[in-house]
Every structure is written in structure tokens, then in C-alpha cells.
């Protein structure tokens, strides 16, 4: 499983690639053109799950961009959440909590479905 997280604002983007045993990080500075969104989307398109984070509306604009131009990637988005600028470690903690909650929620839904069958 390849989970990716992108934290972005008008100044740039931080991409986190998370696997079972490690996390890698990459930064991409912002440009004045929409090509910036394409660069980010291309780097994320092999992800199985994608979480989009950021403090302002850039995250929402990016989600709309990929929904319109990269529909296969948009289907992998599990959330688009507000997140203030933090250190890489703070972002990593937020991501771990988010996916832990997501996993627990799925597990509870599966248990309810199995008990009603």
C-alpha cells in the first residue's frame, strides 16, 4: 500500500510518501502557473490513498484541479483537511491519527455489516 499526503499552501507543497516501514518527504516550491498542480499530481498518481492538507484554500483548489484533470487520482482522495503549518513531525503525527481513525471507522462499519447479515 502506498499512502501519500500532500500539505500545500501558496508558498509550496510538502509531499509525504508513507509505506509500512518508512516515510519519505519531498518539497516542491510554488510557481505562478497551474503547471504546479500538474507537477504535484504527477508525483502522487501512483498512490493508493491520498490525504490533502493545508491551512487555506489552496488545498481545495488542488482537489478541484485533480478532480477535473486527474479523475483516477481524485478517487483515491480519502480526505481534504485544514491543517496549519507545522513541522514535518507534527504533520506526520496528524497523518498517523487521521489514518488510525479512518481504519477504526472502517473496522466498525465492517463489524456492523457482519452482525446485520
Protein backbone atom coordinates (compact mmCIF):
# COMPACT_ATOMS: atom_id res chain seq x y z
CA UNK A 1 0.00 0.00 0.00
CA UNK A 2 1.29 3.44 -0.91
CA UNK A 3 -0.23 6.23 1.12
CA UNK A 4 0.63 9.78 0.15
CA UNK A 5 -0.05 13.04 1.90
CA UNK A 6 0.31 16.49 0.39
CA UNK A 7 0.40 19.60 2.57
CA UNK A 8 0.18 22.73 0.48
CA UNK A 9 -0.29 26.46 0.62
CA UNK A 10 0.51 29.32 -1.75
CA UNK A 11 4.23 29.09 -0.92
CA UNK A 12 4.79 25.44 -1.72
CA UNK A 13 3.93 21.82 -1.15
CA UNK A 14 5.29 19.07 1.07
CA UNK A 15 4.72 15.56 -0.20
CA UNK A 16 4.96 12.60 2.14
CA UNK A 17 5.15 9.04 0.83
CA UNK A 18 4.31 6.53 3.53
CA UNK A 19 4.91 2.80 3.39
CA UNK A 20 4.79 0.07 6.02
CA UNK A 21 8.27 0.81 7.33
CA UNK A 22 9.17 4.38 6.40
CA UNK A 23 8.17 7.84 5.31
CA UNK A 24 9.88 9.88 2.61
CA UNK A 25 9.42 13.60 2.07
CA UNK A 26 9.75 15.92 -0.89
CA UNK A 27 9.21 19.67 -1.23
CA UNK A 28 8.00 21.49 -4.32
CA UNK A 29 8.11 25.28 -4.43
CA UNK A 30 5.10 27.12 -5.74
CA UNK A 31 5.02 28.69 -9.18
CA UNK A 32 2.72 31.29 -10.67
CA UNK A 33 1.17 28.82 -13.07
CA UNK A 34 -1.28 25.95 -12.89
CA UNK A 35 1.55 23.68 -14.04
CA UNK A 36 2.46 23.48 -10.33
CA UNK A 37 -0.69 21.44 -9.66
CA UNK A 38 0.16 19.14 -12.58
CA UNK A 39 3.66 18.55 -11.19
CA UNK A 40 2.24 17.60 -7.80
CA UNK A 41 -0.48 15.38 -9.26
CA UNK A 42 2.01 13.51 -11.45
CA UNK A 43 4.15 12.75 -8.39
CA UNK A 44 1.13 11.42 -6.48
CA UNK A 45 -0.64 9.40 -9.14
CA UNK A 46 0.77 6.01 -8.06
CA UNK A 47 -0.64 6.39 -4.56
CA UNK A 48 -3.34 4.02 -3.36
CA UNK A 49 -4.66 6.60 -0.87
CA UNK A 50 -4.17 10.35 -0.76
CA UNK A 51 -4.76 12.83 2.04
CA UNK A 52 -4.71 16.54 1.15
CA UNK A 53 -3.84 19.02 3.92
CA UNK A 54 -3.28 22.75 4.14
CA UNK A 55 -4.17 25.91 6.04
CA UNK A 56 -6.03 27.91 3.38
CA UNK A 57 -8.00 27.30 0.23
CA UNK A 58 -5.04 26.09 -1.88
CA UNK A 59 -5.84 22.53 -0.78
CA UNK A 60 -9.41 22.93 -2.05
CA UNK A 61 -8.26 24.39 -5.35
CA UNK A 62 -5.83 21.48 -5.73
CA UNK A 63 -8.57 18.93 -5.02
CA UNK A 64 -10.82 20.56 -7.64
CA UNK A 65 -7.88 20.56 -10.07
CA UNK A 66 -7.23 16.83 -9.70
CA UNK A 67 -10.95 16.02 -9.74
CA UNK A 68 -11.24 17.75 -13.12
CA UNK A 69 -7.90 16.71 -14.66
CA UNK A 70 -6.87 13.52 -12.83
CA UNK A 71 -10.12 11.67 -12.01
CA UNK A 72 -8.34 8.39 -11.21
CA UNK A 73 -6.22 10.18 -8.59
CA UNK A 74 -9.24 12.08 -7.24
CA UNK A 75 -10.94 8.73 -6.49
CA UNK A 76 -8.03 7.89 -4.16
CA UNK A 77 -8.51 11.01 -2.02
CA UNK A 78 -9.61 9.97 1.47
CA UNK A 79 -9.76 13.50 2.87
CA UNK A 80 -9.11 17.17 2.29
CA UNK A 81 -8.47 18.67 5.72
CA UNK A 82 -7.47 22.00 7.20
CA UNK A 83 -4.05 21.83 8.81
CA UNK A 84 -1.93 24.74 9.98
CA UNK A 85 1.74 24.86 9.07
CA UNK A 86 3.69 22.52 11.25
CA UNK A 87 6.94 20.73 11.33
CA UNK A 88 7.30 17.54 9.36
CA UNK A 89 6.96 15.62 12.61
CA UNK A 90 3.74 17.44 13.55
CA UNK A 91 2.30 16.71 10.11
CA UNK A 92 3.36 13.05 10.45
CA UNK A 93 1.57 12.78 13.82
CA UNK A 94 -1.59 14.31 12.33
CA UNK A 95 -1.42 11.88 9.42
CA UNK A 96 -0.99 8.87 11.72
CA UNK A 97 -4.01 9.96 13.78
CA UNK A 98 -6.08 10.53 10.64
CA UNK A 99 -5.37 7.11 9.15
CA UNK A 100 -5.77 5.37 12.50
CA UNK A 101 -9.24 6.97 12.82
CA UNK A 102 -10.03 6.05 9.21
CA UNK A 103 -9.00 2.43 9.84
CA UNK A 104 -11.05 2.22 13.06
CA UNK A 105 -14.07 3.69 11.29
CA UNK A 106 -13.85 1.10 8.50
CA UNK A 107 -13.44 -1.70 11.03
CA UNK A 108 -16.54 -0.58 12.95
CA UNK A 109 -18.58 -0.37 9.72
CA UNK A 110 -17.45 -3.89 8.74
CA UNK A 111 -18.44 -5.24 12.16
CA UNK A 112 -21.91 -3.64 11.88
CA UNK A 113 -22.37 -5.04 8.38
CA UNK A 114 -21.30 -8.54 9.50
CA UNK A 115 -23.60 -8.52 12.53
CA UNK A 116 -26.61 -7.46 10.44
CA UNK A 117 -26.05 -10.25 7.89
